[in-house]
Amino acid sequence: MLKLGVNIDHVATVREARYRDRAQGEPDPVAAALLCEAAGCHGITAHLREDRRHIQDRDVFRLRESIRTRLNLELANVPEIVAIALKLKPDIICLVPERRQEVTTEGGLDVVKHRKALAVTRRKMNDAGIEVSLFIAPDVEQVEASAEIGAQFIELHTGQYAEHFHHKRERNAELRRLVDAATLAHRLSLRVNAGHGLNGENLPVLHLVPHLVELNIGHSIISRAMAVGLPKAVKETLGLLKGYRG
């Protein structure tokens, strides 16, 4: 069964638009996470960024106390956030690149370039009982480097696939990259997640990518929730995952 992790960052984005630097505010990302769980999702994802543009420290600790599914903490490989993750003890972390000027995470982590530093963090997390995923582009070199440093998961960046979805030739090329990366990862004993830019239109075609364990989806679910409510938006997305054969 293909699992769904719901990214609740943009619930916090709306809150921070009005309640920045306040101890409370609405909407509450933790309450949203509980609604997602009740609707059947398999995990909650939150990205604690260095600039705290949406999710705040208090949010992740409340999530750890409140949710009953899998907590996936996205973070950059920087000492401050790594220390918080080790204290928080999520079920899994996903190491991502982070640039201050970007709206959301664009592009994959360069594991080849930062192999040594990522290996150190991987060991710290695993020693604390936390699984490690690396958010990477679907490139052979990045998959191989992820296996070499001992990660348990990779998360394939599907942004280029989503960006080119309406252009058949480019879409097929990106789909082939995802298929090849997932196949190689499976052969190297890496488990495979995927995410970025996925929505109701492009999800069904992604079923062609083998060995997927979980999809992490945020923006399209939160956007759809504005029209139909969060529980229904989650259930609709879960419906799109049915029939995946892996």
C-alpha atoms as a PDB file:
ATOM      1  CA  MET A   1       0.000   0.000   0.000  1.00  0.00           C
ATOM      2  CA  LEU A   2       1.329   3.424  -0.960  1.00  0.00           C
ATOM      3  CA  LYS A   3       1.266   5.681   2.106  1.00  0.00           C
ATOM      4  CA  LEU A   4       0.405   9.363   2.376  1.00  0.00           C
ATOM      5  CA  GLY A   5       2.322  11.830   4.518  1.00  0.00           C
ATOM      6  CA  VAL A   6       0.618  15.219   4.750  1.00  0.00           C
ATOM      7  CA  ASN A   7       2.845  18.286   4.954  1.00  0.00           C
ATOM      8  CA  ILE A   8       1.176  20.871   7.191  1.00  0.00           C
ATOM      9  CA  ASP A   9       3.696  23.712   6.648  1.00  0.00           C
ATOM     10  CA  HIS A  10       1.271  25.929   4.777  1.00  0.00           C
ATOM     11  CA  VAL A  11      -1.288  25.813   7.550  1.00  0.00           C
ATOM     12  CA  ALA A  12       1.401  27.556   9.591  1.00  0.00           C
ATOM     13  CA  THR A  13       2.113  29.884   6.646  1.00  0.00           C
ATOM     14  CA  VAL A  14      -1.434  31.240   6.889  1.00  0.00           C
ATOM     15  CA  ARG A  15      -1.141  31.615  10.665  1.00  0.00           C
ATOM     16  CA  GLU A  16       2.166  33.460  10.446  1.00  0.00           C
ATOM     17  CA  ALA A  17       0.714  35.939   7.937  1.00  0.00           C
ATOM     18  CA  ARG A  18      -1.225  37.496  10.831  1.00  0.00           C
ATOM     19  CA  TYR A  19       0.265  36.140  14.051  1.00  0.00           C
ATOM     20  CA  ARG A  20       3.996  36.337  13.360  1.00  0.00           C
ATOM     21  CA  ASP A  21       6.068  36.396  16.589  1.00  0.00           C
ATOM     22  CA  ARG A  22       3.032  35.624  18.749  1.00  0.00           C
ATOM     23  CA  ALA A  23       2.650  32.621  20.997  1.00  0.00           C
ATOM     24  CA  GLN A  24      -0.731  31.687  19.524  1.00  0.00           C
ATOM     25  CA  GLY A  25      -2.755  32.115  16.372  1.00  0.00           C
ATOM     26  CA  GLU A  26      -4.987  30.490  13.833  1.00  0.00           C
ATOM     27  CA  PRO A  27      -5.120  28.207  11.991  1.00  0.00           C
ATOM     28  CA  ASP A  28      -3.354  25.731  14.244  1.00  0.00           C
ATOM     29  CA  PRO A  29      -1.088  23.294  12.337  1.00  0.00           C
ATOM     30  CA  VAL A  30      -1.336  20.722  15.132  1.00  0.00           C
ATOM     31  CA  ALA A  31      -5.133  20.731  14.961  1.00  0.00           C
ATOM     32  CA  ALA A  32      -4.808  20.378  11.181  1.00  0.00           C
ATOM     33  CA  ALA A  33      -2.467  17.406  11.635  1.00  0.00           C
ATOM     34  CA  LEU A  34      -5.016  15.676  13.871  1.00  0.00           C
ATOM     35  CA  LEU A  35      -7.723  16.198  11.237  1.00  0.00           C
ATOM     36  CA  CYS A  36      -5.429  14.662   8.627  1.00  0.00           C
ATOM     37  CA  GLU A  37      -4.807  11.654  10.844  1.00  0.00           C
ATOM     38  CA  ALA A  38      -8.521  11.210  11.475  1.00  0.00           C
ATOM     39  CA  ALA A  39      -9.079  11.275   7.705  1.00  0.00           C
ATOM     40  CA  GLY A  40      -6.667   8.366   7.265  1.00  0.00           C
ATOM     41  CA  CYS A  41      -3.237   9.738   6.388  1.00  0.00           C
ATOM     42  CA  HIS A  42      -0.231   7.668   7.432  1.00  0.00           C
ATOM     43  CA  GLY A  43       2.072  10.406   8.661  1.00  0.00           C
ATOM     44  CA  ILE A  44       2.617  14.119   9.217  1.00  0.00           C
ATOM     45  CA  THR A  45       5.473  16.126   7.724  1.00  0.00           C
ATOM     46  CA  ALA A  46       6.675  19.508   8.961  1.00  0.00           C
ATOM     47  CA  HIS A  47       9.708  21.546   7.892  1.00  0.00           C
ATOM     48  CA  LEU A  48      11.424  23.512  10.649  1.00  0.00           C
ATOM     49  CA  ARG A  49      13.303  26.082   8.609  1.00  0.00           C
ATOM     50  CA  GLU A  50      16.193  28.197   9.886  1.00  0.00           C
ATOM     51  CA  ASP A  51      14.201  31.396   9.327  1.00  0.00           C
ATOM     52  CA  ARG A  52      11.070  29.923  11.010  1.00  0.00           C
ATOM     53  CA  ARG A  53       8.910  31.315   8.202  1.00  0.00           C
ATOM     54  CA  HIS A  54       6.047  28.930   8.957  1.00  0.00           C
ATOM     55  CA  ILE A  55       6.504  26.024  11.375  1.00  0.00           C
ATOM     56  CA  GLN A  56       7.795  27.131  14.784  1.00  0.00           C
ATOM     57  CA  ASP A  57       9.700  25.190  17.435  1.00  0.00           C
ATOM     58  CA  ARG A  58       6.597  24.926  19.618  1.00  0.00           C
ATOM     59  CA  ASP A  59       4.705  23.363  16.710  1.00  0.00           C
ATOM     60  CA  VAL A  60       7.053  20.428  16.293  1.00  0.00           C
ATOM     61  CA  PHE A  61       7.111  19.628  20.001  1.00  0.00           C
ATOM     62  CA  ARG A  62       3.315  19.776  20.163  1.00  0.00           C
ATOM     63  CA  LEU A  63       3.155  17.531  17.102  1.00  0.00           C
ATOM     64  CA  ARG A  64       5.441  15.013  18.793  1.00  0.00           C
ATOM     65  CA  GLU A  65       3.109  14.962  21.814  1.00  0.00           C
ATOM     66  CA  SER A  66      -0.153  14.926  19.869  1.00  0.00           C
ATOM     67  CA  ILE A  67      -0.040  12.821  16.725  1.00  0.00           C
ATOM     68  CA  ARG A  68      -0.283   9.048  16.660  1.00  0.00           C
ATOM     69  CA  THR A  69       1.104   8.392  13.181  1.00  0.00           C
ATOM     70  CA  ARG A  70       4.633   8.899  11.848  1.00  0.00           C
ATOM     71  CA  LEU A  71       6.282  12.300  12.395  1.00  0.00           C
ATOM     72  CA  ASN A  72       8.627  13.287   9.586  1.00  0.00           C
ATOM     73  CA  LEU A  73      10.721  16.381  10.341  1.00  0.00           C
ATOM     74  CA  GLU A  74      12.278  18.120   7.358  1.00  0.00           C
ATOM     75  CA  LEU A  75      15.392  20.126   8.123  1.00  0.00           C
ATOM     76  CA  ALA A  76      18.582  21.555   6.726  1.00  0.00           C
ATOM     77  CA  ASN A  77      21.841  20.009   7.903  1.00  0.00           C
ATOM     78  CA  VAL A  78      22.752  22.868  10.262  1.00  0.00           C
ATOM     79  CA  PRO A  79      23.788  22.444  13.913  1.00  0.00           C
ATOM     80  CA  GLU A  80      20.890  24.372  15.501  1.00  0.00           C
ATOM     81  CA  ILE A  81      18.136  22.401  13.761  1.00  0.00           C
ATOM     82  CA  VAL A  82      19.970  19.079  14.040  1.00  0.00           C
ATOM     83  CA  ALA A  83      20.164  19.623  17.811  1.00  0.00           C
ATOM     84  CA  ILE A  84      16.427  20.299  17.961  1.00  0.00           C
ATOM     85  CA  ALA A  85      15.721  17.126  15.989  1.00  0.00           C
ATOM     86  CA  LEU A  86      17.833  15.047  18.358  1.00  0.00           C
ATOM     87  CA  LYS A  87      15.867  16.457  21.286  1.00  0.00           C
ATOM     88  CA  LEU A  88      12.499  16.066  19.539  1.00  0.00           C
ATOM     89  CA  LYS A  89      13.102  12.491  18.349  1.00  0.00           C
ATOM     90  CA  PRO A  90      10.739  12.337  15.354  1.00  0.00           C
ATOM     91  CA  ASP A  91      10.251   8.947  13.756  1.00  0.00           C
ATOM     92  CA  ILE A  92      12.219  10.063  10.713  1.00  0.00           C
ATOM     93  CA  ILE A  93      14.016  13.150   9.478  1.00  0.00           C
ATOM     94  CA  CYS A  94      14.356  14.249   5.886  1.00  0.00           C
ATOM     95  CA  LEU A  95      17.439  16.335   5.183  1.00  0.00           C
ATOM     96  CA  VAL A  96      16.749  18.992   2.563  1.00  0.00           C
ATOM     97  CA  PRO A  97      18.597  21.921   0.978  1.00  0.00           C
ATOM     98  CA  GLU A  98      17.467  25.316   2.181  1.00  0.00           C
ATOM     99  CA  ARG A  99      17.812  28.738   0.593  1.00  0.00           C
ATOM    100  CA  ARG A 100      16.460  31.897   2.220  1.00  0.00           C
ATOM    101  CA  GLN A 101      15.149  33.383  -1.029  1.00  0.00           C
ATOM    102  CA  GLU A 102      13.052  30.391  -2.093  1.00  0.00           C
ATOM    103  CA  VAL A 103       9.305  30.175  -1.416  1.00  0.00           C
ATOM    104  CA  THR A 104       9.473  26.427  -0.841  1.00  0.00           C
ATOM    105  CA  THR A 105      12.240  23.834  -1.112  1.00  0.00           C
ATOM    106  CA  GLU A 106      13.466  23.857  -4.707  1.00  0.00           C
ATOM    107  CA  GLY A 107      15.916  21.265  -5.970  1.00  0.00           C
ATOM    108  CA  GLY A 108      17.432  18.269  -4.273  1.00  0.00           C
ATOM    109  CA  LEU A 109      20.182  17.871  -1.732  1.00  0.00           C
ATOM    110  CA  ASP A 110      23.704  17.517  -3.168  1.00  0.00           C
ATOM    111  CA  VAL A 111      24.700  14.365  -1.308  1.00  0.00           C
ATOM    112  CA  VAL A 112      27.791  13.871  -3.481  1.00  0.00           C
ATOM    113  CA  LYS A 113      29.204  17.275  -2.523  1.00  0.00           C
ATOM    114  CA  HIS A 114      28.250  17.119   1.175  1.00  0.00           C
ATOM    115  CA  ARG A 115      28.789  13.411   1.722  1.00  0.00           C
ATOM    116  CA  LYS A 116      30.988  13.675   4.840  1.00  0.00           C
ATOM    117  CA  ALA A 117      28.819  16.166   6.714  1.00  0.00           C
ATOM    118  CA  LEU A 118      25.639  14.250   5.893  1.00  0.00           C
ATOM    119  CA  ALA A 119      27.221  10.994   7.028  1.00  0.00           C
ATOM    120  CA  VAL A 120      27.987  12.539  10.431  1.00  0.00           C
ATOM    121  CA  THR A 121      24.378  13.663  10.873  1.00  0.00           C
ATOM    122  CA  ARG A 122      23.070  10.325   9.648  1.00  0.00           C
ATOM    123  CA  ARG A 123      25.061   8.533  12.339  1.00  0.00           C
ATOM    124  CA  LYS A 124      23.855  10.911  15.072  1.00  0.00           C
ATOM    125  CA  MET A 125      20.233  10.397  14.078  1.00  0.00           C
ATOM    126  CA  ASN A 126      20.463   6.634  13.781  1.00  0.00           C
ATOM    127  CA  ASP A 127      22.246   6.428  17.140  1.00  0.00           C
ATOM    128  CA  ALA A 128      19.239   8.300  18.599  1.00  0.00           C
ATOM    129  CA  GLY A 129      16.800   5.837  17.014  1.00  0.00           C
ATOM    130  CA  ILE A 130      15.712   8.214  14.237  1.00  0.00           C
ATOM    131  CA  GLU A 131      15.530   7.060  10.621  1.00  0.00           C
ATOM    132  CA  VAL A 132      17.109   9.260   7.950  1.00  0.00           C
ATOM    133  CA  SER A 133      15.837  10.224   4.510  1.00  0.00           C
ATOM    134  CA  LEU A 134      17.607  12.431   1.966  1.00  0.00           C
ATOM    135  CA  PHE A 135      15.606  14.668  -0.381  1.00  0.00           C
ATOM    136  CA  ILE A 136      17.371  14.260  -3.723  1.00  0.00           C
ATOM    137  CA  ALA A 137      16.918  14.773  -7.428  1.00  0.00           C
ATOM    138  CA  PRO A 138      16.391  11.510  -9.327  1.00  0.00           C
ATOM    139  CA  ASP A 139      20.035  11.244 -10.378  1.00  0.00           C
ATOM    140  CA  VAL A 140      22.144   8.094 -10.282  1.00  0.00           C
ATOM    141  CA  GLU A 141      25.083   9.764  -8.510  1.00  0.00           C
ATOM    142  CA  GLN A 142      22.865  11.141  -5.739  1.00  0.00           C
ATOM    143  CA  VAL A 143      21.176   7.777  -5.192  1.00  0.00           C
ATOM    144  CA  GLU A 144      24.514   5.998  -4.969  1.00  0.00           C
ATOM    145  CA  ALA A 145      25.919   8.575  -2.544  1.00  0.00           C
ATOM    146  CA  SER A 146      22.797   8.282  -0.367  1.00  0.00           C
ATOM    147  CA  ALA A 147      23.347   4.540  -0.074  1.00  0.00           C
ATOM    148  CA  GLU A 148      27.038   5.015   0.647  1.00  0.00           C
ATOM    149  CA  ILE A 149      26.428   7.258   3.665  1.00  0.00           C
ATOM    150  CA  GLY A 150      23.941   4.785   5.114  1.00  0.00           C
ATOM    151  CA  ALA A 151      20.585   6.555   4.764  1.00  0.00           C
ATOM    152  CA  GLN A 152      17.495   4.401   5.250  1.00  0.00           C
ATOM    153  CA  PHE A 153      15.351   6.345   2.773  1.00  0.00           C
ATOM    154  CA  ILE A 154      15.592   8.725  -0.112  1.00  0.00           C
ATOM    155  CA  GLU A 155      12.794  11.075  -1.070  1.00  0.00           C
ATOM    156  CA  LEU A 156      12.784  11.677  -4.796  1.00  0.00           C
ATOM    157  CA  HIS A 157      12.168  15.291  -5.766  1.00  0.00           C
ATOM    158  CA  THR A 158       9.224  15.207  -8.177  1.00  0.00           C
ATOM    159  CA  GLY A 159       9.268  18.938  -8.882  1.00  0.00           C
ATOM    160  CA  GLN A 160      10.599  18.683 -12.427  1.00  0.00           C
ATOM    161  CA  TYR A 161       8.113  15.934 -13.231  1.00  0.00           C
ATOM    162  CA  ALA A 162       5.283  18.134 -11.950  1.00  0.00           C
ATOM    163  CA  GLU A 163       6.625  21.231 -13.719  1.00  0.00           C
ATOM    164  CA  HIS A 164       6.750  19.481 -17.095  1.00  0.00           C
ATOM    165  CA  PHE A 165       3.632  17.380 -16.689  1.00  0.00           C
ATOM    166  CA  HIS A 166       1.735  19.105 -19.519  1.00  0.00           C
ATOM    167  CA  HIS A 167       4.601  18.687 -21.996  1.00  0.00           C
ATOM    168  CA  LYS A 168       4.616  15.036 -23.011  1.00  0.00           C
ATOM    169  CA  ARG A 169       8.227  14.660 -24.097  1.00  0.00           C
ATOM    170  CA  GLU A 170       9.671  16.404 -21.039  1.00  0.00           C
ATOM    171  CA  ARG A 171       7.211  14.661 -18.713  1.00  0.00           C
ATOM    172  CA  ASN A 172       8.212  11.253 -20.046  1.00  0.00           C
ATOM    173  CA  ALA A 173      11.890  12.081 -19.658  1.00  0.00           C
ATOM    174  CA  GLU A 174      11.368  13.115 -16.031  1.00  0.00           C
ATOM    175  CA  LEU A 175       9.243  10.044 -15.402  1.00  0.00           C
ATOM    176  CA  ARG A 176      12.045   7.860 -16.757  1.00  0.00           C
ATOM    177  CA  ARG A 177      14.527   9.542 -14.392  1.00  0.00           C
ATOM    178  CA  LEU A 178      12.228   8.782 -11.459  1.00  0.00           C
ATOM    179  CA  VAL A 179      11.756   5.166 -12.542  1.00  0.00           C
ATOM    180  CA  ASP A 180      15.498   4.632 -12.973  1.00  0.00           C
ATOM    181  CA  ALA A 181      16.338   6.301  -9.640  1.00  0.00           C
ATOM    182  CA  ALA A 182      13.729   4.292  -7.739  1.00  0.00           C
ATOM    183  CA  THR A 183      14.884   1.058  -9.360  1.00  0.00           C
ATOM    184  CA  LEU A 184      18.508   1.745  -8.461  1.00  0.00           C
ATOM    185  CA  ALA A 185      17.605   2.770  -4.909  1.00  0.00           C
ATOM    186  CA  HIS A 186      15.679  -0.464  -4.386  1.00  0.00           C
ATOM    187  CA  ARG A 187      18.651  -2.435  -5.657  1.00  0.00           C
ATOM    188  CA  LEU A 188      20.869  -0.603  -3.140  1.00  0.00           C
ATOM    189  CA  SER A 189      18.441  -1.415  -0.284  1.00  0.00           C
ATOM    190  CA  LEU A 190      17.193   2.158   0.048  1.00  0.00           C
ATOM    191  CA  ARG A 191      13.503   2.691   0.677  1.00  0.00           C
ATOM    192  CA  VAL A 192      11.925   5.264  -1.603  1.00  0.00           C
ATOM    193  CA  ASN A 193       9.575   8.145  -0.847  1.00  0.00           C
ATOM    194  CA  ALA A 194       8.687  10.979  -3.206  1.00  0.00           C
ATOM    195  CA  GLY A 195       7.245  14.460  -3.110  1.00  0.00           C
ATOM    196  CA  HIS A 196       7.046  18.048  -4.389  1.00  0.00           C
ATOM    197  CA  GLY A 197       4.429  19.492  -6.715  1.00  0.00           C
ATOM    198  CA  LEU A 198       2.195  16.429  -6.632  1.00  0.00           C
ATOM    199  CA  ASN A 199      -1.537  16.929  -7.124  1.00  0.00           C
ATOM    200  CA  GLY A 200      -4.701  15.268  -8.318  1.00  0.00           C
ATOM    201  CA  GLU A 201      -3.715  15.610 -11.956  1.00  0.00           C
ATOM    202  CA  ASN A 202      -0.195  14.194 -11.944  1.00  0.00           C
ATOM    203  CA  LEU A 203      -0.497  11.611  -9.155  1.00  0.00           C
ATOM    204  CA  PRO A 204      -2.101   8.821 -11.224  1.00  0.00           C
ATOM    205  CA  VAL A 205       0.756   8.811 -13.760  1.00  0.00           C
ATOM    206  CA  LEU A 206       3.297   8.622 -10.927  1.00  0.00           C
ATOM    207  CA  HIS A 207       2.017   5.094 -10.296  1.00  0.00           C
ATOM    208  CA  LEU A 208       4.466   4.058 -13.027  1.00  0.00           C
ATOM    209  CA  VAL A 209       7.371   4.669 -10.637  1.00  0.00           C
ATOM    210  CA  PRO A 210       8.205   1.423  -8.783  1.00  0.00           C
ATOM    211  CA  HIS A 211       9.098   0.736  -5.143  1.00  0.00           C
ATOM    212  CA  LEU A 212       7.479   3.840  -3.640  1.00  0.00           C
ATOM    213  CA  VAL A 213       6.721   3.645   0.076  1.00  0.00           C
ATOM    214  CA  GLU A 214       5.220   7.059   0.830  1.00  0.00           C
ATOM    215  CA  LEU A 215       4.327  10.304  -0.911  1.00  0.00           C
ATOM    216  CA  ASN A 216       4.674  13.557   1.027  1.00  0.00           C
ATOM    217  CA  ILE A 217       2.116  16.081  -0.180  1.00  0.00           C
ATOM    218  CA  GLY A 218       1.263  19.465   1.250  1.00  0.00           C
ATOM    219  CA  HIS A 219       0.372  22.387  -0.989  1.00  0.00           C
ATOM    220  CA  SER A 220      -2.235  20.680  -3.152  1.00  0.00           C
ATOM    221  CA  ILE A 221      -4.020  19.204  -0.123  1.00  0.00           C
ATOM    222  CA  ILE A 222      -4.100  22.513   1.756  1.00  0.00           C
ATOM    223  CA  SER A 223      -5.245  24.297  -1.407  1.00  0.00           C
ATOM    224  CA  ARG A 224      -8.038  21.783  -2.017  1.00  0.00           C
ATOM    225  CA  ALA A 225      -9.058  22.043   1.647  1.00  0.00           C
ATOM    226  CA  MET A 226     -10.033  25.674   1.083  1.00  0.00           C
ATOM    227  CA  ALA A 227     -12.871  24.426  -1.123  1.00  0.00           C
ATOM    228  CA  VAL A 228     -13.903  21.119   0.448  1.00  0.00           C
ATOM    229  CA  GLY A 229     -12.351  21.018   3.922  1.00  0.00           C
ATOM    230  CA  LEU A 230      -9.224  19.272   5.119  1.00  0.00           C
ATOM    231  CA  PRO A 231     -10.648  15.795   5.859  1.00  0.00           C
ATOM    232  CA  LYS A 232     -12.186  15.509   2.400  1.00  0.00           C
ATOM    233  CA  ALA A 233      -9.031  16.820   0.715  1.00  0.00           C
ATOM    234  CA  VAL A 234      -6.990  14.137   2.485  1.00  0.00           C
ATOM    235  CA  LYS A 235      -9.486  11.403   1.612  1.00  0.00           C
ATOM    236  CA  GLU A 236      -9.513  12.459  -2.045  1.00  0.00           C
ATOM    237  CA  THR A 237      -5.722  12.207  -2.158  1.00  0.00           C
ATOM    238  CA  LEU A 238      -5.781   8.819  -0.453  1.00  0.00           C
ATOM    239  CA  GLY A 239      -8.197   7.687  -3.160  1.00  0.00           C
ATOM    240  CA  LEU A 240      -5.662   8.639  -5.816  1.00  0.00           C
ATOM    241  CA  LEU A 241      -3.081   6.355  -4.199  1.00  0.00           C
ATOM    242  CA  LYS A 242      -5.274   3.278  -4.341  1.00  0.00           C
ATOM    243  CA  GLY A 243      -4.264   0.675  -6.859  1.00  0.00           C
ATOM    244  CA  TYR A 244      -0.545   1.424  -6.729  1.00  0.00           C
ATOM    245  CA  ARG A 245       1.262  -1.837  -7.413  1.00  0.00           C
ATOM    246  CA  GLY A 246       4.799  -0.807  -6.577  1.00  0.00           C
END
